[in-house]
Amino acid sequence: MGGNKVEFLGGFAYDAVTNALMQPTAAIPVLEAAVFPLTSVALYTGPRPLYITHLMATFSDIVVTDPAADRYLGWSIQSASDGSATPTYAAVTGAAYTANADLPLIHDNSVSTTAIQAVANVPVNLFNYVNVAGQAARPSPDVTYATQAAQPALSRLPVRIAANRLFQVRVGTYVAGALAAVVGVDNMFVLVYGYRV
């Protein structure tokens, strides 16, 4: 097999993202709703741990209703191992980010009151935005957008998830660490890449 290589592990779709840390509405590969996994939209790690190296966020709809302020895209990788019909998810250690300095700016109200600062169908790696302040100062005004041109160059270390777990990615819109509502962040996707060990 030639060692560990980054591969597509699965993905998540979100019908709408707003001021809650939203669970996905669908998973890729598609599993039968309410049957596998029961009552949850998630993926399985499998019999061995896996490492997530990239969370690629992409948008199919980049028009929003004016929230009259900036919005950042926060995220959390969550896992569950309790084996229940209603799994209890918890954020994976070191895999939940809400502060502006760790997130892409997806709505710059001073640039456009109705646009997401992203390009439809062009993904960006959410890991690259973590600890941008430690890599280099974010510009002022902040133009660290969810576009490949504005995406920081460095990526954080992979996130490990133990074997035999359910996992999912949750996303929400934030300002200064607090959830903040927006209308129109619809049809968003997170594609998960990494490798099993």
Protein backbone atom coordinates (compact mmCIF):
# COMPACT_ATOMS: atom_id res chain seq x y z
CA MET A 1 0.00 0.00 0.00
CA GLY A 2 3.01 2.32 0.21
CA GLY A 3 2.51 3.91 3.67
CA ASN A 4 0.07 6.51 4.96
CA LYS A 5 -1.31 8.74 2.25
CA VAL A 6 -3.88 11.48 2.50
CA GLU A 7 -7.22 10.35 1.10
CA PHE A 8 -10.85 11.44 1.11
CA LEU A 9 -12.41 10.14 4.33
CA GLY A 10 -15.91 11.52 3.82
CA GLY A 11 -17.84 14.73 3.91
CA PHE A 12 -20.71 16.64 5.45
CA ALA A 13 -23.42 18.86 3.99
CA TYR A 14 -25.24 21.68 5.80
CA ASP A 15 -28.57 23.06 4.62
CA ALA A 16 -28.07 26.26 6.61
CA VAL A 17 -25.34 27.62 8.90
CA THR A 18 -26.15 30.28 11.49
CA ASN A 19 -25.84 31.11 15.21
CA ALA A 20 -25.67 27.54 16.48
CA LEU A 21 -22.90 25.02 16.15
CA MET A 22 -24.82 23.16 13.46
CA GLN A 23 -24.72 19.41 13.05
CA PRO A 24 -24.55 18.28 9.43
CA THR A 25 -27.77 17.49 7.60
CA ALA A 26 -26.19 14.80 5.41
CA ALA A 27 -22.99 12.79 5.16
CA ILE A 28 -20.89 11.51 2.26
CA PRO A 29 -20.84 8.59 1.61
CA VAL A 30 -24.61 8.61 1.92
CA LEU A 31 -25.90 6.31 4.63
CA GLU A 32 -29.58 5.53 5.09
CA ALA A 33 -31.10 8.21 7.31
CA ALA A 34 -32.03 7.11 10.84
CA VAL A 35 -30.70 3.59 10.25
CA PHE A 36 -26.92 3.72 9.92
CA PRO A 37 -25.76 5.38 12.07
CA LEU A 38 -29.01 5.40 14.04
CA THR A 39 -30.49 8.88 14.64
CA SER A 40 -27.24 10.64 13.81
CA VAL A 41 -25.52 12.18 10.79
CA ALA A 42 -21.95 11.02 11.23
CA LEU A 43 -19.18 8.85 9.83
CA TYR A 44 -17.28 5.94 11.38
CA THR A 45 -13.57 5.93 12.04
CA GLY A 46 -13.36 2.17 11.57
CA PRO A 47 -11.27 -0.43 13.43
CA ARG A 48 -8.16 1.78 13.48
CA PRO A 49 -7.62 5.39 14.52
CA LEU A 50 -7.60 8.04 11.84
CA TYR A 51 -5.86 11.37 11.45
CA ILE A 52 -7.68 14.29 9.84
CA THR A 53 -5.23 16.48 7.93
CA HIS A 54 -7.60 18.76 5.99
CA LEU A 55 -11.10 20.13 6.53
CA MET A 56 -11.99 21.56 3.14
CA ALA A 57 -14.93 23.99 3.36
CA THR A 58 -16.78 24.95 0.21
CA PHE A 59 -19.93 26.92 -0.57
CA SER A 60 -22.60 26.47 -3.22
CA ASP A 61 -24.47 29.65 -2.30
CA ILE A 62 -22.47 32.81 -1.60
CA VAL A 63 -25.32 35.33 -1.21
CA VAL A 64 -26.49 36.30 2.28
CA THR A 65 -29.05 38.60 3.85
CA ASP A 66 -27.16 41.59 5.23
CA PRO A 67 -26.23 40.86 8.88
CA ALA A 68 -24.81 44.43 9.17
CA ALA A 69 -21.55 43.07 10.60
CA ASP A 70 -18.69 40.72 9.82
CA ARG A 71 -19.03 36.95 10.26
CA TYR A 72 -16.38 34.24 10.74
CA LEU A 73 -16.81 30.51 10.17
CA GLY A 74 -16.23 28.55 13.39
CA TRP A 75 -15.96 24.77 13.54
CA SER A 76 -15.66 21.76 15.82
CA ILE A 77 -14.76 18.13 15.13
CA GLN A 78 -16.90 16.01 17.45
CA SER A 79 -16.83 12.31 18.25
CA ALA A 80 -18.98 9.83 20.17
CA SER A 81 -18.28 6.35 21.52
CA ASP A 82 -21.19 5.62 23.86
CA GLY A 83 -22.95 3.22 21.48
CA SER A 84 -26.35 4.72 22.19
CA ALA A 85 -29.24 5.31 19.79
CA THR A 86 -28.73 8.99 20.61
CA PRO A 87 -24.95 9.39 20.60
CA THR A 88 -23.36 11.86 23.00
CA TYR A 89 -20.88 13.95 21.05
CA ALA A 90 -17.98 15.89 22.51
CA ALA A 91 -15.43 18.13 20.84
CA VAL A 92 -12.18 16.33 20.06
CA THR A 93 -9.35 17.88 22.10
CA GLY A 94 -7.69 20.66 20.14
CA ALA A 95 -10.29 20.55 17.36
CA ALA A 96 -12.78 23.32 18.11
CA TYR A 97 -12.22 26.93 17.10
CA THR A 98 -14.36 30.04 17.62
CA ALA A 99 -11.97 33.01 17.90
CA ASN A 100 -11.60 35.38 14.95
CA ALA A 101 -7.84 34.75 14.84
CA ASP A 102 -8.42 31.05 14.06
CA LEU A 103 -11.17 31.37 11.45
CA PRO A 104 -11.78 32.51 7.89
CA LEU A 105 -13.68 35.76 7.51
CA ILE A 106 -16.66 34.71 5.40
CA HIS A 107 -18.65 37.96 5.45
CA ASP A 108 -16.86 41.30 5.32
CA ASN A 109 -19.69 43.78 5.66
CA SER A 110 -17.51 46.70 4.57
CA VAL A 111 -16.89 44.96 1.21
CA SER A 112 -20.40 43.70 0.49
CA THR A 113 -23.56 43.56 2.55
CA THR A 114 -24.86 40.53 0.66
CA ALA A 115 -21.88 38.35 -0.29
CA ILE A 116 -19.85 35.62 1.35
CA GLN A 117 -16.15 36.22 0.78
CA ALA A 118 -15.63 32.86 -0.89
CA VAL A 119 -15.75 31.43 -4.38
CA ALA A 120 -18.52 28.94 -5.11
CA ASN A 121 -17.23 25.38 -5.51
CA VAL A 122 -13.64 26.31 -4.54
CA PRO A 123 -12.63 24.72 -1.20
CA VAL A 124 -10.34 26.13 1.48
CA ASN A 125 -8.66 24.23 4.31
CA LEU A 126 -10.06 25.35 7.69
CA PHE A 127 -6.89 24.06 9.40
CA ASN A 128 -4.85 26.73 7.62
CA TYR A 129 -6.60 29.54 9.47
CA VAL A 130 -5.79 28.23 12.97
CA ASN A 131 -3.22 30.31 14.83
CA VAL A 132 -2.73 32.72 11.96
CA ALA A 133 -1.59 35.29 14.52
CA GLY A 134 1.25 32.92 15.41
CA GLN A 135 2.22 32.59 11.74
CA ALA A 136 1.92 36.26 10.82
CA ALA A 137 -0.30 39.15 11.83
CA ARG A 138 -3.71 39.19 10.22
CA PRO A 139 -4.06 42.26 8.04
CA SER A 140 -6.02 45.30 9.14
CA PRO A 141 -8.66 45.59 7.88
CA ASP A 142 -8.99 41.82 8.08
CA VAL A 143 -9.05 40.26 4.59
CA THR A 144 -8.30 36.66 5.62
CA TYR A 145 -11.18 35.34 3.54
CA ALA A 146 -12.38 31.83 2.73
CA THR A 147 -10.72 31.95 -0.69
CA GLN A 148 -7.65 30.12 -1.92
CA ALA A 149 -5.97 33.45 -2.69
CA ALA A 150 -6.45 34.70 0.90
CA GLN A 151 -5.98 31.36 2.68
CA PRO A 152 -2.93 31.28 4.99
CA ALA A 153 -0.14 29.05 3.75
CA LEU A 154 0.55 26.92 6.84
CA SER A 155 -1.60 24.12 8.22
CA ARG A 156 -1.91 22.93 11.80
CA LEU A 157 -1.03 19.39 12.81
CA PRO A 158 -3.50 16.57 12.09
CA VAL A 159 -6.35 15.78 14.48
CA ARG A 160 -6.45 12.19 15.80
CA ILE A 161 -9.74 10.37 16.33
CA ALA A 162 -9.74 7.02 18.10
CA ALA A 163 -10.90 3.76 16.53
CA ASN A 164 -14.53 2.65 16.56
CA ARG A 165 -15.98 6.15 16.98
CA LEU A 166 -18.60 8.18 15.25
CA PHE A 167 -17.39 11.58 14.14
CA GLN A 168 -18.89 14.68 12.59
CA VAL A 169 -17.93 18.28 11.91
CA ARG A 170 -20.11 21.09 13.24
CA VAL A 171 -19.97 24.65 11.92
CA GLY A 172 -21.40 28.00 12.94
CA THR A 173 -21.00 31.72 12.30
CA TYR A 174 -19.07 33.67 14.92
CA VAL A 175 -17.82 37.13 15.83
CA ALA A 176 -15.17 37.53 18.57
CA GLY A 177 -15.77 34.03 19.93
CA ALA A 178 -19.56 34.30 20.17
CA LEU A 179 -22.13 32.74 17.86
CA ALA A 180 -23.74 35.40 15.67
CA ALA A 181 -26.72 34.95 13.37
CA VAL A 182 -26.66 35.25 9.61
CA VAL A 183 -29.23 34.26 6.99
CA GLY A 184 -28.20 32.73 3.69
CA VAL A 185 -25.15 30.59 4.45
CA ASP A 186 -26.87 27.71 2.71
CA ASN A 187 -25.64 24.59 0.94
CA MET A 188 -22.23 24.49 2.57
CA PHE A 189 -19.99 21.43 2.60
CA VAL A 190 -16.98 20.20 4.58
CA LEU A 191 -14.86 17.54 2.91
CA VAL A 192 -12.64 15.56 5.30
CA TYR A 193 -9.21 14.30 4.22
CA GLY A 194 -6.61 12.35 6.13
CA TYR A 195 -5.34 8.83 6.69
CA ARG A 196 -5.83 5.76 8.85
CA VAL A 197 -3.02 4.21 10.90
